[in-house]
Amino acid sequence: MNSIRVANSLVRSNVTAAVLRTTPCILLPQAQRPWLPQQLPQQTPPVRSFSHSPSLSKRNRKEEEPEEDDPRGKKGGKKSNKKEKGGAPAQQQQQEAQPSAAAEDPFNLDPLIALFQKTESHYTSQLALLRSPTGRFNVESIGAIPVSLDKKSTVTYRLQELATVAPLGGRRWSILAFEEASVKPIISAVLKSPDFNQQPQRNEENPLELTMTVEPEKVDDLVKRAKDLCTEWRNKLRDETHKHETHVKKNKSLLKDDLFKIKEALKKLQDERMKVVANKEKEVVAAIQSKAK
């Protein structure tokens, strides 16, 4: 029996081998072969360039921490004030740190010209008082007398702030006080004034009114005052020019040639103003002398 079984197994193996040699090999697609593991498509990891990477900044805990509400309203207010104080002055300091182009330019003489014009207007108005018919004694000069209401205090008031000054005709003037308490201080102020040096007289009908007589000035005195004012004007121009030149010399970046040019420009400007003073002095002196004739 064993020999028969061995023969049958040999026959079957031979038949199977013959069938395999005559039958073509057919490969099924992978989808129809469920017994094989399916391969997933390979995915490439995403790549991000440095230019498109998000920038990460350091966390500011002070900004992220919420402000604690204090029932008394102190903590929140202090924090907000610190932020405001830290921001506004910074901008203000930045603006102040950027000087204007005119201030940086040492050849710019506009600031000095503005000072010259201010000085000219002041002395021109003073010289105009000497040319008036009443001389320097007028409403403005009388009303400018300083008056002290309290002897223990250094505070003074202009007379025109305490009374009304008006001409009565000729050389007589009226001073009408607003309050009776200021009458005696006004009398003391007129007495102490070097320009008037006289005691105003009380009006019998009106206790608030004072009268005073102004003596006309001599022609020589008026001429001397006009020349003294012009001398002060010249000295003022020289002082302002010297201050400007000293300020320019502090700029160490300037060359000697630049300093020489600036000095020449200052001298030219000062000489022009000196001519204006000389012409004004001649004009005022001539007007005073013609008025006396």
Protein backbone atom coordinates (compact mmCIF):
# COMPACT_ATOMS: atom_id res chain seq x y z
CA MET A 1 0.00 0.00 0.00
CA ASN A 2 2.77 2.37 0.81
CA SER A 3 4.32 1.93 -2.57
CA ILE A 4 1.00 2.69 -4.28
CA ARG A 5 0.63 5.95 -2.28
CA VAL A 6 4.13 7.08 -3.15
CA ALA A 7 3.47 6.45 -6.82
CA ASN A 8 0.25 8.47 -6.77
CA SER A 9 1.98 11.45 -5.12
CA LEU A 10 4.72 11.37 -7.73
CA VAL A 11 2.18 11.31 -10.54
CA ARG A 12 0.30 14.28 -9.05
CA SER A 13 3.46 16.34 -8.64
CA ASN A 14 4.48 15.67 -12.22
CA VAL A 15 1.06 16.67 -13.53
CA THR A 16 1.11 19.87 -11.52
CA ALA A 17 4.56 20.78 -12.78
CA ALA A 18 3.48 20.17 -16.38
CA VAL A 19 0.43 22.37 -15.96
CA LEU A 20 2.48 25.18 -14.51
CA ARG A 21 4.94 25.02 -17.41
CA THR A 22 2.17 25.18 -20.03
CA THR A 23 -0.02 27.81 -18.30
CA PRO A 24 1.17 31.44 -18.68
CA CYS A 25 1.76 33.49 -15.46
CA ILE A 26 -0.81 36.20 -15.03
CA LEU A 27 -0.03 39.01 -12.49
CA LEU A 28 -3.04 40.62 -10.95
CA PRO A 29 -3.02 44.30 -10.11
CA GLN A 30 -2.30 45.24 -6.52
CA ALA A 31 -5.91 46.37 -5.94
CA GLN A 32 -7.10 42.74 -6.75
CA ARG A 33 -4.60 41.23 -4.41
CA PRO A 34 -5.99 41.95 -0.98
CA TRP A 35 -3.63 39.53 0.68
CA LEU A 36 -0.67 41.84 -0.06
CA PRO A 37 -0.03 45.02 2.05
CA GLN A 38 -0.94 48.13 0.09
CA GLN A 39 1.75 50.83 -0.20
CA LEU A 40 0.73 54.39 0.62
CA PRO A 41 1.95 57.25 -1.62
CA GLN A 42 4.98 59.01 -0.25
CA GLN A 43 4.36 62.56 0.90
CA THR A 44 7.20 65.09 0.99
CA PRO A 45 7.25 67.23 4.13
CA PRO A 46 6.38 70.90 3.58
CA VAL A 47 9.36 73.25 3.24
CA ARG A 48 9.22 76.88 4.50
CA SER A 49 11.81 79.46 3.53
CA PHE A 50 13.29 81.87 6.04
CA SER A 51 11.69 84.90 4.32
CA HIS A 52 8.20 83.47 4.98
CA SER A 53 8.88 82.38 8.53
CA PRO A 54 6.91 84.31 11.16
CA SER A 55 9.03 86.55 13.37
CA LEU A 56 8.73 85.76 17.05
CA SER A 57 9.33 88.62 19.47
CA LYS A 58 10.02 88.45 23.13
CA ARG A 59 6.93 88.45 25.28
CA ASN A 60 6.29 91.63 27.18
CA ARG A 61 4.76 90.54 30.40
CA LYS A 62 3.99 94.10 31.47
CA GLU A 63 1.78 94.64 28.44
CA GLU A 64 0.10 91.21 28.70
CA GLU A 65 -0.60 91.45 32.40
CA PRO A 66 -4.01 93.08 32.90
CA GLU A 67 -4.19 96.02 35.22
CA GLU A 68 -5.78 95.23 38.52
CA ASP A 69 -8.76 97.36 39.27
CA ASP A 70 -8.34 99.08 42.57
CA PRO A 71 -11.58 100.08 44.29
CA ARG A 72 -9.93 103.34 45.19
CA GLY A 73 -8.83 103.84 41.56
CA LYS A 74 -5.13 104.16 42.36
CA LYS A 75 -3.29 101.27 40.71
CA GLY A 76 -4.87 101.55 37.32
CA GLY A 77 -4.42 105.30 37.28
CA LYS A 78 -0.75 105.10 38.19
CA LYS A 79 0.03 102.62 35.41
CA SER A 80 -1.75 104.66 32.80
CA ASN A 81 0.00 107.81 33.96
CA LYS A 82 3.39 106.11 33.67
CA LYS A 83 2.68 105.12 30.09
CA GLU A 84 1.53 108.60 29.22
CA LYS A 85 4.47 110.19 30.98
CA GLY A 86 6.86 107.82 29.25
CA GLY A 87 5.45 108.54 25.80
CA ALA A 88 4.68 112.24 25.60
CA PRO A 89 7.97 113.60 26.99
CA ALA A 90 9.91 111.28 24.68
CA GLN A 91 8.25 112.84 21.65
CA GLN A 92 8.73 116.32 23.07
CA GLN A 93 12.42 115.70 23.74
CA GLN A 94 12.84 114.35 20.22
CA GLN A 95 11.31 117.51 18.77
CA GLU A 96 13.45 119.73 20.98
CA ALA A 97 16.56 117.77 20.03
CA GLN A 98 15.99 118.66 16.38
CA PRO A 99 16.89 122.37 16.07
CA SER A 100 15.58 124.39 13.20
CA ALA A 101 17.65 124.95 10.11
CA ALA A 102 17.85 128.67 10.86
CA ALA A 103 19.39 128.02 14.30
CA GLU A 104 21.99 125.61 12.89
CA ASP A 105 23.10 127.95 10.11
CA PRO A 106 25.77 130.31 11.53
CA PHE A 107 25.41 132.58 8.49
CA ASN A 108 21.74 133.23 9.30
CA LEU A 109 21.39 136.75 10.79
CA ASP A 110 17.60 136.77 11.11
CA PRO A 111 17.62 136.43 14.94
CA LEU A 112 19.95 139.42 15.25
CA ILE A 113 17.87 141.45 12.79
CA ALA A 114 14.77 140.75 14.88
CA LEU A 115 16.55 142.04 17.99
CA PHE A 116 17.64 145.17 16.14
CA GLN A 117 14.07 145.87 15.05
CA LYS A 118 12.75 145.42 18.60
CA THR A 119 15.39 147.81 19.95
CA GLU A 120 14.63 150.34 17.23
CA SER A 121 10.90 150.39 18.00
CA HIS A 122 11.61 150.95 21.71
CA TYR A 123 13.95 153.93 21.30
CA THR A 124 11.91 155.42 18.48
CA SER A 125 8.89 155.62 20.78
CA GLN A 126 11.03 157.23 23.51
CA LEU A 127 12.36 159.86 21.11
CA ALA A 128 8.85 160.59 19.86
CA LEU A 129 7.88 161.77 23.36
CA LEU A 130 10.54 164.47 23.24
CA ARG A 131 9.08 165.84 20.02
CA SER A 132 5.54 166.22 21.43
CA PRO A 133 4.33 169.76 22.33
CA THR A 134 4.31 168.95 26.05
CA GLY A 135 7.70 167.26 25.88
CA ARG A 136 8.14 164.09 27.88
CA PHE A 137 5.37 165.14 30.30
CA ASN A 138 2.27 163.56 28.82
CA VAL A 139 -0.41 161.02 29.71
CA GLU A 140 1.94 158.08 29.13
CA SER A 141 4.83 159.45 31.19
CA ILE A 142 2.64 160.56 34.11
CA GLY A 143 0.64 157.33 34.03
CA ALA A 144 3.86 155.27 34.13
CA ILE A 145 4.87 156.54 37.61
CA PRO A 146 5.19 153.49 39.93
CA VAL A 147 2.92 153.61 42.98
CA SER A 148 3.28 151.42 46.08
CA LEU A 149 0.06 150.88 48.05
CA ASP A 150 1.76 149.07 50.92
CA LYS A 151 5.05 150.27 52.39
CA LYS A 152 5.89 146.78 53.60
CA SER A 153 5.47 145.27 50.14
CA THR A 154 7.68 145.62 47.07
CA VAL A 155 4.73 145.33 44.66
CA THR A 156 4.10 148.50 42.65
CA TYR A 157 1.34 149.58 40.26
CA ARG A 158 1.34 152.01 37.39
CA LEU A 159 -0.41 155.26 38.24
CA GLN A 160 -2.80 154.84 35.33
CA GLU A 161 -4.00 151.58 36.92
CA LEU A 162 -5.12 153.51 40.00
CA ALA A 163 -6.30 156.81 38.50
CA THR A 164 -7.23 158.64 35.31
CA VAL A 165 -4.74 161.17 33.96
CA ALA A 166 -6.11 164.04 31.83
CA PRO A 167 -4.83 167.50 30.78
CA LEU A 168 -6.67 170.55 32.16
CA GLY A 169 -5.17 172.98 29.67
CA GLY A 170 -1.81 174.66 29.54
CA ARG A 171 0.60 173.05 31.95
CA ARG A 172 -1.98 171.75 34.44
CA TRP A 173 -2.89 168.07 34.72
CA SER A 174 -5.62 166.21 36.57
CA ILE A 175 -5.21 162.90 38.39
CA LEU A 176 -8.57 161.36 39.34
CA ALA A 177 -8.14 158.38 41.69
CA PHE A 178 -10.52 155.42 41.55
CA GLU A 179 -10.47 154.90 45.33
CA GLU A 180 -9.78 157.24 48.22
CA ALA A 181 -7.32 154.76 49.76
CA SER A 182 -4.94 155.26 46.82
CA VAL A 183 -4.82 159.08 47.00
CA LYS A 184 -1.99 159.32 49.56
CA PRO A 185 0.18 156.65 47.84
CA ILE A 186 -0.20 158.57 44.56
CA ILE A 187 0.95 161.80 46.20
CA SER A 188 4.00 160.03 47.68
CA ALA A 189 4.86 158.45 44.31
CA VAL A 190 4.76 161.80 42.46
CA LEU A 191 6.96 163.36 45.15
CA LYS A 192 9.55 160.58 44.81
CA SER A 193 9.55 160.73 41.00
CA PRO A 194 12.79 162.35 39.73
CA ASP A 195 11.00 163.73 36.66
CA PHE A 196 8.29 165.64 38.55
CA ASN A 197 9.43 166.10 42.17
CA GLN A 198 6.37 168.05 43.30
CA GLN A 199 3.35 167.52 45.52
CA PRO A 200 -0.01 167.29 43.74
CA GLN A 201 -2.72 169.50 45.21
CA ARG A 202 -6.06 168.14 46.40
CA ASN A 203 -9.25 169.45 44.86
CA GLU A 204 -11.52 170.97 47.52
CA GLU A 205 -14.68 169.93 45.68
CA ASN A 206 -13.58 166.38 44.85
CA PRO A 207 -11.35 164.52 47.37
CA LEU A 208 -10.44 161.92 44.73
CA GLU A 209 -8.93 164.48 42.32
CA LEU A 210 -5.38 165.78 42.39
CA THR A 211 -3.93 168.57 40.25
CA MET A 212 -0.33 169.22 39.32
CA THR A 213 1.54 171.73 37.21
CA VAL A 214 4.23 170.58 34.84
CA GLU A 215 7.06 173.00 34.13
CA PRO A 216 8.17 173.02 30.49
CA GLU A 217 11.60 171.58 29.86
CA LYS A 218 14.39 173.70 28.49
CA VAL A 219 15.55 173.12 24.93
CA ASP A 220 19.05 172.21 26.04
CA ASP A 221 17.67 169.59 28.44
CA LEU A 222 15.51 168.07 25.71
CA VAL A 223 18.44 167.94 23.29
CA LYS A 224 20.63 166.30 25.94
CA ARG A 225 17.97 163.70 26.67
CA ALA A 226 17.61 162.92 22.95
CA LYS A 227 21.37 162.42 22.57
CA ASP A 228 21.52 160.26 25.69
CA LEU A 229 18.78 158.01 24.33
CA CYS A 230 20.61 157.64 21.02
CA THR A 231 23.82 156.77 22.87
CA GLU A 232 21.97 154.05 24.78
CA TRP A 233 20.58 152.84 21.46
CA ARG A 234 24.08 152.52 19.97
CA ASN A 235 25.41 150.66 23.02
CA LYS A 236 22.47 148.27 22.82
CA LEU A 237 23.26 147.48 19.18
CA ARG A 238 26.91 146.81 20.01
CA ASP A 239 25.98 144.50 22.89
CA GLU A 240 23.58 142.47 20.77
CA THR A 241 26.15 142.14 17.98
CA HIS A 242 28.84 141.02 20.42
CA LYS A 243 26.54 138.39 21.97
CA HIS A 244 25.69 136.99 18.56
CA GLU A 245 29.34 136.83 17.53
CA THR A 246 30.28 135.08 20.79
CA HIS A 247 27.55 132.51 20.23
CA VAL A 248 28.78 131.79 16.70
CA LYS A 249 32.37 131.29 17.87
CA LYS A 250 31.23 128.39 20.04
CA ASN A 251 30.69 126.37 16.86
CA LYS A 252 34.00 124.49 16.61
CA SER A 253 33.21 123.14 13.15
CA LEU A 254 33.59 126.56 11.53
CA LEU A 255 36.78 127.43 9.69
CA LYS A 256 38.69 130.69 10.08
CA ASP A 257 37.46 131.86 6.71
CA ASP A 258 33.86 131.23 7.79
CA LEU A 259 34.34 133.19 11.00
CA PHE A 260 35.89 136.05 9.07
CA LYS A 261 32.93 136.18 6.67
CA ILE A 262 30.42 136.11 9.52
CA LYS A 263 32.28 138.88 11.33
CA GLU A 264 32.25 141.04 8.21
CA ALA A 265 28.51 140.45 7.74
CA LEU A 266 27.85 141.43 11.38
CA LYS A 267 29.90 144.59 11.04
CA LYS A 268 28.04 145.56 7.87
CA LEU A 269 24.67 145.02 9.51
CA GLN A 270 25.70 146.98 12.61
CA ASP A 271 26.99 149.91 10.51
CA GLU A 272 23.66 150.09 8.70
CA ARG A 273 21.79 150.32 12.01
CA MET A 274 24.19 152.94 13.29
CA LYS A 275 23.34 155.11 10.30
CA VAL A 276 19.65 154.77 11.21
CA VAL A 277 20.41 155.95 14.75
CA ALA A 278 22.43 158.93 13.50
CA ASN A 279 19.67 160.01 11.12
CA LYS A 280 17.02 159.67 13.84
CA GLU A 281 19.14 161.72 16.26
CA LYS A 282 19.55 164.56 13.76
CA GLU A 283 15.83 164.50 13.02
CA VAL A 284 14.75 164.69 16.68
CA VAL A 285 17.28 167.37 17.64
CA ALA A 286 16.22 169.51 14.68
CA ALA A 287 12.54 169.12 15.65
CA ILE A 288 13.23 170.16 19.27
CA GLN A 289 15.23 173.21 18.27
CA SER A 290 12.64 174.33 15.70
CA LYS A 291 9.88 174.01 18.31
CA ALA A 292 11.76 176.38 20.64
CA LYS A 293 12.07 179.05 17.93
